[in-house]
Structures are given as C-alpha cells and as structure tokens.
Amino acid sequence: MRGAVASAVAEFRSRDEALPAQHRTRSERDRIGNEIWSRTLGDTELPLRAVHAAQSVGFLRPMPDDAPVALLRAGAWLRLRTPFGSIALRTTGVGGLSPLAGGLSVTPA
C-alpha cells in the first residue's frame, strides 16, 4: 500500500512539474489530484485517497508481514483497518464514492 501511495505522489509531482507556469493553478492541480487519488487500490474498491489518508496519519507505518490489515464493507461503508487505526469512507452503495466531503473520516487507534 505504501508503494501505491509513493507512486501516486511521484506521478502528481511529475505532472505538476510538467505544467507550464501559467497552468499551475489550484483548479488544475485539484483536477490532477482528483484523477490520481480517485483510482482504486489494485482490484479493490478502496480509493487511493483513503490509502494516502491512512499513511498520512501514521496508520501504515512499517509493520510485521503478518500484521492484520483488512478491508471491510458494511453497506455503503468501506473501512481500511490496520493495527494503528482505521480509515472509513462512505460509498454510494453502488461502487462509487459519496459526494459528501470526499466520504473520508479518520479514527485514531
């Protein structure tokens, strides 16, 4: 998961640096970021923005290979659970994300 986040961050930086100076606007950067962070992790429904959030708050710090990491679903909710905390997001229930604030919340462990 950390590798997927690192690749996405590197792609964002590369695409941002490739923009002509006059196109380095907030809206253009938001468009690129939304395109990248809306992708899902592998063959799961979990958007990379949720994995990035988990890493940003320290839930994906180095852990043993046998550490229990799980992706759980309950109705319209997805939850990435790690030994250090959980990230939950609400989907529309039909494979899409809720438009409500990106559907993300953070729960410290």
PDB file of N, CA and C in Angstrom:
ATOM      1  N   MET A   1       0.816  -1.194   0.000  1.00  0.00           N
ATOM      2  CA  MET A   1       0.000   0.000   0.000  1.00  0.00           C
ATOM      3  C   MET A   1       0.859   1.257   0.000  1.00  0.00           C
ATOM      4  N   ARG A   2       1.932   1.230   0.797  1.00  0.00           N
ATOM      5  CA  ARG A   2       2.800   2.414   0.825  1.00  0.00           C
ATOM      6  C   ARG A   2       3.420   2.660  -0.545  1.00  0.00           C
ATOM      7  N   GLY A   3       3.706   1.589  -1.279  1.00  0.00           N
ATOM      8  CA  GLY A   3       4.255   1.724  -2.627  1.00  0.00           C
ATOM      9  C   GLY A   3       3.271   2.389  -3.582  1.00  0.00           C
ATOM     10  N   ALA A   4       1.991   2.040  -3.454  1.00  0.00           N
ATOM     11  CA  ALA A   4       0.964   2.653  -4.300  1.00  0.00           C
ATOM     12  C   ALA A   4       0.860   4.145  -4.021  1.00  0.00           C
ATOM     13  N   VAL A   5       0.925   4.524  -2.746  1.00  0.00           N
ATOM     14  CA  VAL A   5       0.872   5.939  -2.387  1.00  0.00           C
ATOM     15  C   VAL A   5       2.106   6.668  -2.912  1.00  0.00           C
ATOM     16  N   ALA A   6       3.275   6.062  -2.740  1.00  0.00           N
ATOM     17  CA  ALA A   6       4.512   6.692  -3.220  1.00  0.00           C
ATOM     18  C   ALA A   6       4.465   6.906  -4.735  1.00  0.00           C
ATOM     19  N   SER A   7       3.943   5.922  -5.472  1.00  0.00           N
ATOM     20  CA  SER A   7       3.830   6.060  -6.930  1.00  0.00           C
ATOM     21  C   SER A   7       2.866   7.175  -7.303  1.00  0.00           C
ATOM     22  N   ALA A   8       1.750   7.272  -6.585  1.00  0.00           N
ATOM     23  CA  ALA A   8       0.763   8.314  -6.868  1.00  0.00           C
ATOM     24  C   ALA A   8       1.332   9.701  -6.569  1.00  0.00           C
ATOM     25  N   VAL A   9       2.052   9.833  -5.458  1.00  0.00           N
ATOM     26  CA  VAL A   9       2.677  11.121  -5.111  1.00  0.00           C
ATOM     27  C   VAL A   9       3.700  11.496  -6.179  1.00  0.00           C
ATOM     28  N   ALA A  10       4.514  10.530  -6.604  1.00  0.00           N
ATOM     29  CA  ALA A  10       5.519  10.801  -7.631  1.00  0.00           C
ATOM     30  C   ALA A  10       4.857  11.217  -8.943  1.00  0.00           C
ATOM     31  N   GLU A  11       3.744  10.556  -9.298  1.00  0.00           N
ATOM     32  CA  GLU A  11       3.037  10.930 -10.519  1.00  0.00           C
ATOM     33  C   GLU A  11       2.488  12.347 -10.421  1.00  0.00           C
ATOM     34  N   PHE A  12       1.901  12.684  -9.263  1.00  0.00           N
ATOM     35  CA  PHE A  12       1.365  14.036  -9.095  1.00  0.00           C
ATOM     36  C   PHE A  12       2.478  15.064  -9.256  1.00  0.00           C
ATOM     37  N   ARG A  13       3.595  14.848  -8.590  1.00  0.00           N
ATOM     38  CA  ARG A  13       4.716  15.803  -8.683  1.00  0.00           C
ATOM     39  C   ARG A  13       5.208  15.945 -10.114  1.00  0.00           C
ATOM     40  N   SER A  14       5.333  14.812 -10.797  1.00  0.00           N
ATOM     41  CA  SER A  14       5.822  14.824 -12.173  1.00  0.00           C
ATOM     42  C   SER A  14       4.856  15.591 -13.089  1.00  0.00           C
ATOM     43  N   ARG A  15       3.572  15.317 -12.955  1.00  0.00           N
ATOM     44  CA  ARG A  15       2.582  16.003 -13.792  1.00  0.00           C
ATOM     45  C   ARG A  15       2.497  17.484 -13.443  1.00  0.00           C
ATOM     46  N   ASP A  16       2.636  17.812 -12.163  1.00  0.00           N
ATOM     47  CA  ASP A  16       2.618  19.217 -11.752  1.00  0.00           C
ATOM     48  C   ASP A  16       3.820  19.958 -12.323  1.00  0.00           C
ATOM     49  N   GLU A  17       4.994  19.358 -12.242  1.00  0.00           N
ATOM     50  CA  GLU A  17       6.203  19.991 -12.762  1.00  0.00           C
ATOM     51  C   GLU A  17       6.155  20.154 -14.278  1.00  0.00           C
ATOM     52  N   ALA A  18       5.424  19.274 -14.967  1.00  0.00           N
ATOM     53  CA  ALA A  18       5.322  19.340 -16.425  1.00  0.00           C
ATOM     54  C   ALA A  18       4.364  20.430 -16.900  1.00  0.00           C
ATOM     55  N   LEU A  19       3.549  20.963 -15.988  1.00  0.00           N
ATOM     56  CA  LEU A  19       2.613  22.022 -16.370  1.00  0.00           C
ATOM     57  C   LEU A  19       3.360  23.312 -16.674  1.00  0.00           C
ATOM     58  N   PRO A  20       2.949  24.015 -17.724  1.00  0.00           N
ATOM     59  CA  PRO A  20       3.513  25.350 -17.942  1.00  0.00           C
ATOM     60  C   PRO A  20       3.151  26.230 -16.739  1.00  0.00           C
ATOM     61  N   ALA A  21       3.985  27.175 -16.423  1.00  0.00           N
ATOM     62  CA  ALA A  21       3.793  28.016 -15.230  1.00  0.00           C
ATOM     63  C   ALA A  21       2.399  28.638 -15.168  1.00  0.00           C
ATOM     64  N   GLN A  22       1.875  29.088 -16.294  1.00  0.00           N
ATOM     65  CA  GLN A  22       0.564  29.733 -16.289  1.00  0.00           C
ATOM     66  C   GLN A  22      -0.581  28.745 -16.025  1.00  0.00           C
ATOM     67  N   HIS A  23      -0.316  27.437 -16.102  1.00  0.00           N
ATOM     68  CA  HIS A  23      -1.352  26.423 -15.847  1.00  0.00           C
ATOM     69  C   HIS A  23      -1.230  25.799 -14.462  1.00  0.00           C
ATOM     70  N   ARG A  24      -0.279  26.240 -13.676  1.00  0.00           N
ATOM     71  CA  ARG A  24      -0.128  25.703 -12.315  1.00  0.00           C
ATOM     72  C   ARG A  24      -1.097  26.412 -11.375  1.00  0.00           C
ATOM     73  N   THR A  25      -2.355  26.212 -11.641  1.00  0.00           N
ATOM     74  CA  THR A  25      -3.411  26.827 -10.842  1.00  0.00           C
ATOM     75  C   THR A  25      -3.964  25.810  -9.857  1.00  0.00           C
ATOM     76  N   ARG A  26      -4.676  26.309  -8.863  1.00  0.00           N
ATOM     77  CA  ARG A  26      -5.297  25.426  -7.877  1.00  0.00           C
ATOM     78  C   ARG A  26      -6.272  24.460  -8.556  1.00  0.00           C
ATOM     79  N   SER A  27      -7.059  24.973  -9.500  1.00  0.00           N
ATOM     80  CA  SER A  27      -8.049  24.110 -10.153  1.00  0.00           C
ATOM     81  C   SER A  27      -7.386  23.023 -10.993  1.00  0.00           C
ATOM     82  N   GLU A  28      -6.290  23.346 -11.658  1.00  0.00           N
ATOM     83  CA  GLU A  28      -5.589  22.338 -12.460  1.00  0.00           C
ATOM     84  C   GLU A  28      -4.938  21.297 -11.553  1.00  0.00           C
ATOM     85  N   ARG A  29      -4.347  21.738 -10.465  1.00  0.00           N
ATOM     86  CA  ARG A  29      -3.745  20.794  -9.513  1.00  0.00           C
ATOM     87  C   ARG A  29      -4.823  19.936  -8.853  1.00  0.00           C
ATOM     88  N   ASP A  30      -5.965  20.524  -8.551  1.00  0.00           N
ATOM     89  CA  ASP A  30      -7.079  19.745  -7.989  1.00  0.00           C
ATOM     90  C   ASP A  30      -7.565  18.696  -8.988  1.00  0.00           C
ATOM     91  N   ARG A  31      -7.626  19.071 -10.265  1.00  0.00           N
ATOM     92  CA  ARG A  31      -8.064  18.129 -11.301  1.00  0.00           C
ATOM     93  C   ARG A  31      -7.113  16.939 -11.387  1.00  0.00           C
ATOM     94  N   ILE A  32      -5.812  17.224 -11.403  1.00  0.00           N
ATOM     95  CA  ILE A  32      -4.817  16.150 -11.469  1.00  0.00           C
ATOM     96  C   ILE A  32      -4.905  15.283 -10.215  1.00  0.00           C
ATOM     97  N   GLY A  33      -4.982  15.935  -9.057  1.00  0.00           N
ATOM     98  CA  GLY A  33      -5.072  15.182  -7.809  1.00  0.00           C
ATOM     99  C   GLY A  33      -6.308  14.310  -7.753  1.00  0.00           C
ATOM    100  N   ASN A  34      -7.447  14.844  -8.173  1.00  0.00           N
ATOM    101  CA  ASN A  34      -8.677  14.059  -8.156  1.00  0.00           C
ATOM    102  C   ASN A  34      -8.574  12.858  -9.078  1.00  0.00           C
ATOM    103  N   GLU A  35      -7.963  13.071 -10.241  1.00  0.00           N
ATOM    104  CA  GLU A  35      -7.787  11.969 -11.188  1.00  0.00           C
ATOM    105  C   GLU A  35      -6.932  10.858 -10.573  1.00  0.00           C
ATOM    106  N   ILE A  36      -5.841  11.239  -9.935  1.00  0.00           N
ATOM    107  CA  ILE A  36      -4.924  10.248  -9.355  1.00  0.00           C
ATOM    108  C   ILE A  36      -5.526   9.602  -8.113  1.00  0.00           C
ATOM    109  N   TRP A  37      -6.014  10.395  -7.164  1.00  0.00           N
ATOM    110  CA  TRP A  37      -6.457   9.856  -5.874  1.00  0.00           C
ATOM    111  C   TRP A  37      -7.799   9.146  -5.944  1.00  0.00           C
ATOM    112  N   SER A  38      -8.526   9.302  -7.053  1.00  0.00           N
ATOM    113  CA  SER A  38      -9.785   8.580  -7.213  1.00  0.00           C
ATOM    114  C   SER A  38      -9.577   7.157  -7.728  1.00  0.00           C
ATOM    115  N   ARG A  39      -8.386   6.859  -8.192  1.00  0.00           N
ATOM    116  CA  ARG A  39      -8.095   5.488  -8.634  1.00  0.00           C
ATOM    117  C   ARG A  39      -8.203   4.555  -7.433  1.00  0.00           C
ATOM    118  N   THR A  40      -8.460   3.293  -7.725  1.00  0.00           N
ATOM    119  CA  THR A  40      -8.589   2.333  -6.625  1.00  0.00           C
ATOM    120  C   THR A  40      -7.307   1.537  -6.428  1.00  0.00           C
ATOM    121  N   LEU A  41      -7.176   0.996  -5.247  1.00  0.00           N
ATOM    122  CA  LEU A  41      -6.018   0.177  -4.893  1.00  0.00           C
ATOM    123  C   LEU A  41      -6.215  -1.213  -5.467  1.00  0.00           C
ATOM    124  N   GLY A  42      -5.408  -1.556  -6.452  1.00  0.00           N
ATOM    125  CA  GLY A  42      -5.497  -2.880  -7.067  1.00  0.00           C
ATOM    126  C   GLY A  42      -6.901  -3.181  -7.556  1.00  0.00           C
ATOM    127  N   ASP A  43      -7.392  -4.370  -7.207  1.00  0.00           N
ATOM    128  CA  ASP A  43      -8.726  -4.761  -7.647  1.00  0.00           C
ATOM    129  C   ASP A  43      -9.778  -4.541  -6.555  1.00  0.00           C
ATOM    130  N   THR A  44      -9.467  -3.676  -5.594  1.00  0.00           N
ATOM    131  CA  THR A  44     -10.427  -3.353  -4.534  1.00  0.00           C
ATOM    132  C   THR A  44     -11.236  -2.123  -4.945  1.00  0.00           C
ATOM    133  N   GLU A  45     -12.200  -1.770  -4.126  1.00  0.00           N
ATOM    134  CA  GLU A  45     -12.961  -0.539  -4.338  1.00  0.00           C
ATOM    135  C   GLU A  45     -12.346   0.626  -3.572  1.00  0.00           C
ATOM    136  N   LEU A  46     -11.269   0.379  -2.850  1.00  0.00           N
ATOM    137  CA  LEU A  46     -10.669   1.385  -1.985  1.00  0.00           C
ATOM    138  C   LEU A  46      -9.911   2.429  -2.796  1.00  0.00           C
ATOM    139  N   PRO A  47     -10.362   3.695  -2.754  1.00  0.00           N
ATOM    140  CA  PRO A  47      -9.650   4.735  -3.499  1.00  0.00           C
ATOM    141  C   PRO A  47      -8.280   5.030  -2.879  1.00  0.00           C
ATOM    142  N   LEU A  48      -7.344   5.381  -3.744  1.00  0.00           N
ATOM    143  CA  LEU A  48      -6.006   5.706  -3.259  1.00  0.00           C
ATOM    144  C   LEU A  48      -6.014   6.863  -2.266  1.00  0.00           C
ATOM    145  N   ARG A  49      -6.994   7.784  -2.355  1.00  0.00           N
ATOM    146  CA  ARG A  49      -7.041   8.899  -1.405  1.00  0.00           C
ATOM    147  C   ARG A  49      -7.226   8.368   0.018  1.00  0.00           C
ATOM    148  N   ALA A  50      -7.952   7.264   0.206  1.00  0.00           N
ATOM    149  CA  ALA A  50      -8.123   6.689   1.541  1.00  0.00           C
ATOM    150  C   ALA A  50      -6.823   6.059   2.029  1.00  0.00           C
ATOM    151  N   VAL A  51      -6.099   5.408   1.124  1.00  0.00           N
ATOM    152  CA  VAL A  51      -4.802   4.818   1.485  1.00  0.00           C
ATOM    153  C   VAL A  51      -3.815   5.940   1.827  1.00  0.00           C
ATOM    154  N   HIS A  52      -3.837   7.016   1.065  1.00  0.00           N
ATOM    155  CA  HIS A  52      -2.976   8.169   1.334  1.00  0.00           C
ATOM    156  C   HIS A  52      -3.309   8.766   2.698  1.00  0.00           C
ATOM    157  N   ALA A  53      -4.593   8.880   3.009  1.00  0.00           N
ATOM    158  CA  ALA A  53      -5.003   9.399   4.318  1.00  0.00           C
ATOM    159  C   ALA A  53      -4.478   8.492   5.432  1.00  0.00           C
ATOM    160  N   ALA A  54      -4.598   7.185   5.251  1.00  0.00           N
ATOM    161  CA  ALA A  54      -4.112   6.238   6.258  1.00  0.00           C
ATOM    162  C   ALA A  54      -2.610   6.396   6.479  1.00  0.00           C
ATOM    163  N   GLN A  55      -1.873   6.568   5.400  1.00  0.00           N
ATOM    164  CA  GLN A  55      -0.428   6.749   5.532  1.00  0.00           C
ATOM    165  C   GLN A  55      -0.103   8.092   6.178  1.00  0.00           C
ATOM    166  N   SER A  56      -0.819   9.123   5.787  1.00  0.00           N
ATOM    167  CA  SER A  56      -0.542  10.474   6.295  1.00  0.00           C
ATOM    168  C   SER A  56      -0.710  10.578   7.800  1.00  0.00           C
ATOM    169  N   VAL A  57      -1.659   9.838   8.363  1.00  0.00           N
ATOM    170  CA  VAL A  57      -1.878   9.905   9.814  1.00  0.00           C
ATOM    171  C   VAL A  57      -1.145   8.798  10.568  1.00  0.00           C
ATOM    172  N   GLY A  58      -0.317   8.031   9.865  1.00  0.00           N
ATOM    173  CA  GLY A  58       0.539   7.047  10.525  1.00  0.00           C
ATOM    174  C   GLY A  58      -0.051   5.663  10.689  1.00  0.00           C
ATOM    175  N   PHE A  59      -1.146   5.365   9.996  1.00  0.00           N
ATOM    176  CA  PHE A  59      -1.758   4.045  10.130  1.00  0.00           C
ATOM    177  C   PHE A  59      -1.071   2.978   9.290  1.00  0.00           C
ATOM    178  N   LEU A  60      -0.182   3.384   8.387  1.00  0.00           N
ATOM    179  CA  LEU A  60       0.525   2.415   7.534  1.00  0.00           C
ATOM    180  C   LEU A  60       2.015   2.386   7.824  1.00  0.00           C
ATOM    181  N   ARG A  61       2.380   2.805   9.031  1.00  0.00           N
ATOM    182  CA  ARG A  61       3.808   2.768   9.361  1.00  0.00           C
ATOM    183  C   ARG A  61       4.314   1.332   9.242  1.00  0.00           C
ATOM    184  N   PRO A  62       5.617   1.147   9.122  1.00  0.00           N
ATOM    185  CA  PRO A  62       6.149  -0.203   8.955  1.00  0.00           C
ATOM    186  C   PRO A  62       5.612  -1.141  10.040  1.00  0.00           C
ATOM    187  N   MET A  63       5.180  -2.318   9.583  1.00  0.00           N
ATOM    188  CA  MET A  63       4.634  -3.313  10.497  1.00  0.00           C
ATOM    189  C   MET A  63       5.072  -4.692  10.031  1.00  0.00           C
ATOM    190  N   PRO A  64       4.997  -5.673  10.913  1.00  0.00           N
ATOM    191  CA  PRO A  64       5.389  -7.030  10.522  1.00  0.00           C
ATOM    192  C   PRO A  64       4.540  -7.539   9.359  1.00  0.00           C
ATOM    193  N   ASP A  65       5.087  -8.463   8.579  1.00  0.00           N
ATOM    194  CA  ASP A  65       4.370  -9.008   7.430  1.00  0.00           C
ATOM    195  C   ASP A  65       3.055  -9.663   7.814  1.00  0.00           C
ATOM    196  N   ASP A  66       2.970 -10.179   9.037  1.00  0.00           N
ATOM    197  CA  ASP A  66       1.749 -10.864   9.458  1.00  0.00           C
ATOM    198  C   ASP A  66       0.782  -9.944  10.210  1.00  0.00           C
ATOM    199  N   ALA A  67       1.035  -8.623  10.182  1.00  0.00           N
ATOM    200  CA  ALA A  67       0.144  -7.674  10.856  1.00  0.00           C
ATOM    201  C   ALA A  67      -1.226  -7.712  10.179  1.00  0.00           C
ATOM    202  N   PRO A  68      -2.297  -7.734  10.980  1.00  0.00           N
ATOM    203  CA  PRO A  68      -3.633  -7.818  10.388  1.00  0.00           C
ATOM    204  C   PRO A  68      -4.090  -6.494   9.772  1.00  0.00           C
ATOM    205  N   VAL A  69      -4.136  -6.457   8.456  1.00  0.00           N
ATOM    206  CA  VAL A  69      -4.673  -5.320   7.716  1.00  0.00           C
ATOM    207  C   VAL A  69      -5.878  -5.866   6.957  1.00  0.00           C
ATOM    208  N   ALA A  70      -7.002  -5.180   7.057  1.00  0.00           N
ATOM    209  CA  ALA A  70      -8.219  -5.693   6.423  1.00  0.00           C
ATOM    210  C   ALA A  70      -8.982  -4.573   5.744  1.00  0.00           C
ATOM    211  N   LEU A  71      -9.660  -4.926   4.658  1.00  0.00           N
ATOM    212  CA  LEU A  71     -10.600  -4.030   4.005  1.00  0.00           C
ATOM    213  C   LEU A  71     -11.975  -4.636   4.237  1.00  0.00           C
ATOM    214  N   LEU A  72     -12.822  -3.893   4.942  1.00  0.00           N
ATOM    215  CA  LEU A  72     -14.139  -4.384   5.332  1.00  0.00           C
ATOM    216  C   LEU A  72     -15.224  -3.549   4.671  1.00  0.00           C
ATOM    217  N   ARG A  73     -16.366  -4.158   4.424  1.00  0.00           N
ATOM    218  CA  ARG A  73     -17.507  -3.440   3.861  1.00  0.00           C
ATOM    219  C   ARG A  73     -18.720  -3.713   4.738  1.00  0.00           C
ATOM    220  N   ALA A  74     -19.476  -2.646   5.006  1.00  0.00           N
ATOM    221  CA  ALA A  74     -20.756  -2.745   5.702  1.00  0.00           C
ATOM    222  C   ALA A  74     -21.709  -1.795   4.984  1.00  0.00           C
ATOM    223  N   GLY A  75     -22.573  -2.330   4.172  1.00  0.00           N
ATOM    224  CA  GLY A  75     -23.481  -1.493   3.395  1.00  0.00           C
ATOM    225  C   GLY A  75     -22.705  -0.566   2.482  1.00  0.00           C
ATOM    226  N   ALA A  76     -22.938   0.727   2.633  1.00  0.00           N
ATOM    227  CA  ALA A  76     -22.278   1.726   1.787  1.00  0.00           C
ATOM    228  C   ALA A  76     -20.921   2.155   2.335  1.00  0.00           C
ATOM    229  N   TRP A  77     -20.449   1.529   3.414  1.00  0.00           N
ATOM    230  CA  TRP A  77     -19.194   1.936   4.050  1.00  0.00           C
ATOM    231  C   TRP A  77     -18.071   0.960   3.748  1.00  0.00           C
ATOM    232  N   LEU A  78     -16.881   1.509   3.463  1.00  0.00           N
ATOM    233  CA  LEU A  78     -15.639   0.740   3.369  1.00  0.00           C
ATOM    234  C   LEU A  78     -14.758   1.164   4.521  1.00  0.00           C
ATOM    235  N   ARG A  79     -14.021   0.204   5.075  1.00  0.00           N
ATOM    236  CA  ARG A  79     -13.122   0.516   6.187  1.00  0.00           C
ATOM    237  C   ARG A  79     -11.795  -0.193   5.963  1.00  0.00           C
ATOM    238  N   LEU A  80     -10.720   0.573   5.957  1.00  0.00           N
ATOM    239  CA  LEU A  80      -9.367   0.029   5.928  1.00  0.00           C
ATOM    240  C   LEU A  80      -8.903  -0.016   7.374  1.00  0.00           C
ATOM    241  N   ARG A  81      -8.723  -1.235   7.899  1.00  0.00           N
ATOM    242  CA  ARG A  81      -8.337  -1.396   9.302  1.00  0.00           C
ATOM    243  C   ARG A  81      -6.895  -1.888   9.376  1.00  0.00           C
ATOM    244  N   THR A  82      -6.085  -1.186  10.173  1.00  0.00           N
ATOM    245  CA  THR A  82      -4.696  -1.575  10.410  1.00  0.00           C
ATOM    246  C   THR A  82      -4.484  -1.657  11.919  1.00  0.00           C
ATOM    247  N   PRO A  83      -3.366  -2.208  12.363  1.00  0.00           N
ATOM    248  CA  PRO A  83      -3.106  -2.249  13.807  1.00  0.00           C
ATOM    249  C   PRO A  83      -3.010  -0.858  14.442  1.00  0.00           C
ATOM    250  N   PHE A  84      -2.811   0.186  13.631  1.00  0.00           N
ATOM    251  CA  PHE A  84      -2.612   1.528  14.161  1.00  0.00           C
ATOM    252  C   PHE A  84      -3.825   2.439  14.035  1.00  0.00           C
ATOM    253  N   GLY A  85      -4.896   1.978  13.391  1.00  0.00           N
ATOM    254  CA  GLY A  85      -6.107   2.778  13.237  1.00  0.00           C
ATOM    255  C   GLY A  85      -6.858   2.415  11.979  1.00  0.00           C
ATOM    256  N   SER A  86      -7.970   3.095  11.760  1.00  0.00           N
ATOM    257  CA  SER A  86      -8.846   2.796  10.625  1.00  0.00           C
ATOM    258  C   SER A  86      -9.185   4.053   9.841  1.00  0.00           C
ATOM    259  N   ILE A  87      -9.408   3.851   8.561  1.00  0.00           N
ATOM    260  CA  ILE A  87      -9.924   4.887   7.673  1.00  0.00           C
ATOM    261  C   ILE A  87     -11.246   4.353   7.146  1.00  0.00           C
ATOM    262  N   ALA A  88     -12.298   5.147   7.269  1.00  0.00           N
ATOM    263  CA  ALA A  88     -13.609   4.741   6.775  1.00  0.00           C
ATOM    264  C   ALA A  88     -14.084   5.734   5.728  1.00  0.00           C
ATOM    265  N   LEU A  89     -14.772   5.235   4.715  1.00  0.00           N
ATOM    266  CA  LEU A  89     -15.352   6.105   3.720  1.00  0.00           C
ATOM    267  C   LEU A  89     -16.693   5.562   3.294  1.00  0.00           C
ATOM    268  N   ARG A  90     -17.567   6.454   2.968  1.00  0.00           N
ATOM    269  CA  ARG A  90     -18.905   6.087   2.545  1.00  0.00           C
ATOM    270  C   ARG A  90     -18.969   6.100   1.032  1.00  0.00           C
ATOM    271  N   THR A  91     -19.446   5.029   0.478  1.00  0.00           N
ATOM    272  CA  THR A  91     -19.651   4.955  -0.960  1.00  0.00           C
ATOM    273  C   THR A  91     -21.125   5.228  -1.229  1.00  0.00           C
ATOM    274  N   THR A  92     -21.482   5.303  -2.483  1.00  0.00           N
ATOM    275  CA  THR A  92     -22.891   5.482  -2.823  1.00  0.00           C
ATOM    276  C   THR A  92     -23.636   4.168  -2.700  1.00  0.00           C
ATOM    277  N   GLY A  93     -22.898   3.093  -2.410  1.00  0.00           N
ATOM    278  CA  GLY A  93     -23.512   1.785  -2.296  1.00  0.00           C
ATOM    279  C   GLY A  93     -23.531   1.028  -3.612  1.00  0.00           C
ATOM    280  N   VAL A  94     -23.124   1.696  -4.693  1.00  0.00           N
ATOM    281  CA  VAL A  94     -23.107   1.057  -5.999  1.00  0.00           C
ATOM    282  C   VAL A  94     -21.730   1.235  -6.633  1.00  0.00           C
ATOM    283  N   GLY A  95     -20.703   1.128  -5.819  1.00  0.00           N
ATOM    284  CA  GLY A  95     -19.343   1.192  -6.324  1.00  0.00           C
ATOM    285  C   GLY A  95     -18.762   2.577  -6.490  1.00  0.00           C
ATOM    286  N   GLY A  96     -19.503   3.629  -6.156  1.00  0.00           N
ATOM    287  CA  GLY A  96     -18.971   4.980  -6.290  1.00  0.00           C
ATOM    288  C   GLY A  96     -18.813   5.631  -4.943  1.00  0.00           C
ATOM    289  N   LEU A  97     -18.069   6.714  -4.901  1.00  0.00           N
ATOM    290  CA  LEU A  97     -17.883   7.440  -3.652  1.00  0.00           C
ATOM    291  C   LEU A  97     -19.002   8.428  -3.436  1.00  0.00           C
ATOM    292  N   SER A  98     -19.307   8.646  -2.195  1.00  0.00           N
ATOM    293  CA  SER A  98     -20.292   9.658  -1.834  1.00  0.00           C
ATOM    294  C   SER A  98     -19.739  11.031  -2.171  1.00  0.00           C
ATOM    295  N   PRO A  99     -20.562  11.943  -2.646  1.00  0.00           N
ATOM    296  CA  PRO A  99     -20.079  13.298  -2.914  1.00  0.00           C
ATOM    297  C   PRO A  99     -19.877  14.099  -1.639  1.00  0.00           C
ATOM    298  N   LEU A 100     -20.250  13.580  -0.486  1.00  0.00           N
ATOM    299  CA  LEU A 100     -20.148  14.315   0.771  1.00  0.00           C
ATOM    300  C   LEU A 100     -18.708  14.390   1.249  1.00  0.00           C
ATOM    301  N   ALA A 101     -18.078  15.509   1.085  1.00  0.00           N
ATOM    302  CA  ALA A 101     -16.723  15.780   1.594  1.00  0.00           C
ATOM    303  C   ALA A 101     -15.740  14.677   1.261  1.00  0.00           C
ATOM    304  N   GLY A 102     -15.850  14.075   0.114  1.00  0.00           N
ATOM    305  CA  GLY A 102     -14.925  13.015  -0.271  1.00  0.00           C
ATOM    306  C   GLY A 102     -15.196  11.710   0.441  1.00  0.00           C
ATOM    307  N   GLY A 103     -16.138  11.664   1.375  1.00  0.00           N
ATOM    308  CA  GLY A 103     -16.505  10.439   2.056  1.00  0.00           C
ATOM    309  C   GLY A 103     -15.476   9.910   3.028  1.00  0.00           C
ATOM    310  N   LEU A 104     -14.523  10.725   3.459  1.00  0.00           N
ATOM    311  CA  LEU A 104     -13.456  10.220   4.326  1.00  0.00           C
ATOM    312  C   LEU A 104     -13.640  10.649   5.775  1.00  0.00           C
ATOM    313  N   SER A 105     -13.229   9.770   6.664  1.00  0.00           N
ATOM    314  CA  SER A 105     -13.126  10.118   8.067  1.00  0.00           C
ATOM    315  C   SER A 105     -11.926   9.392   8.642  1.00  0.00           C
ATOM    316  N   VAL A 106     -11.400   9.872   9.749  1.00  0.00           N
ATOM    317  CA  VAL A 106     -10.229   9.271  10.365  1.00  0.00           C
ATOM    318  C   VAL A 106     -10.572   8.901  11.804  1.00  0.00           C
ATOM    319  N   THR A 107     -10.222   7.677  12.196  1.00  0.00           N
ATOM    320  CA  THR A 107     -10.452   7.220  13.547  1.00  0.00           C
ATOM    321  C   THR A 107      -9.115   6.770  14.139  1.00  0.00           C
ATOM    322  N   PRO A 108      -8.549   7.512  15.089  1.00  0.00           N
ATOM    323  CA  PRO A 108      -7.273   7.075  15.675  1.00  0.00           C
ATOM    324  C   PRO A 108      -7.465   5.838  16.546  1.00  0.00           C
ATOM    325  N   ALA A 109      -6.414   5.045  16.623  1.00  0.00           N
ATOM    326  CA  ALA A 109      -6.474   3.828  17.449  1.00  0.00           C
ATOM    327  C   ALA A 109      -5.901   4.105  18.819  1.00  0.00           C
TER     328      ALA A 109
END
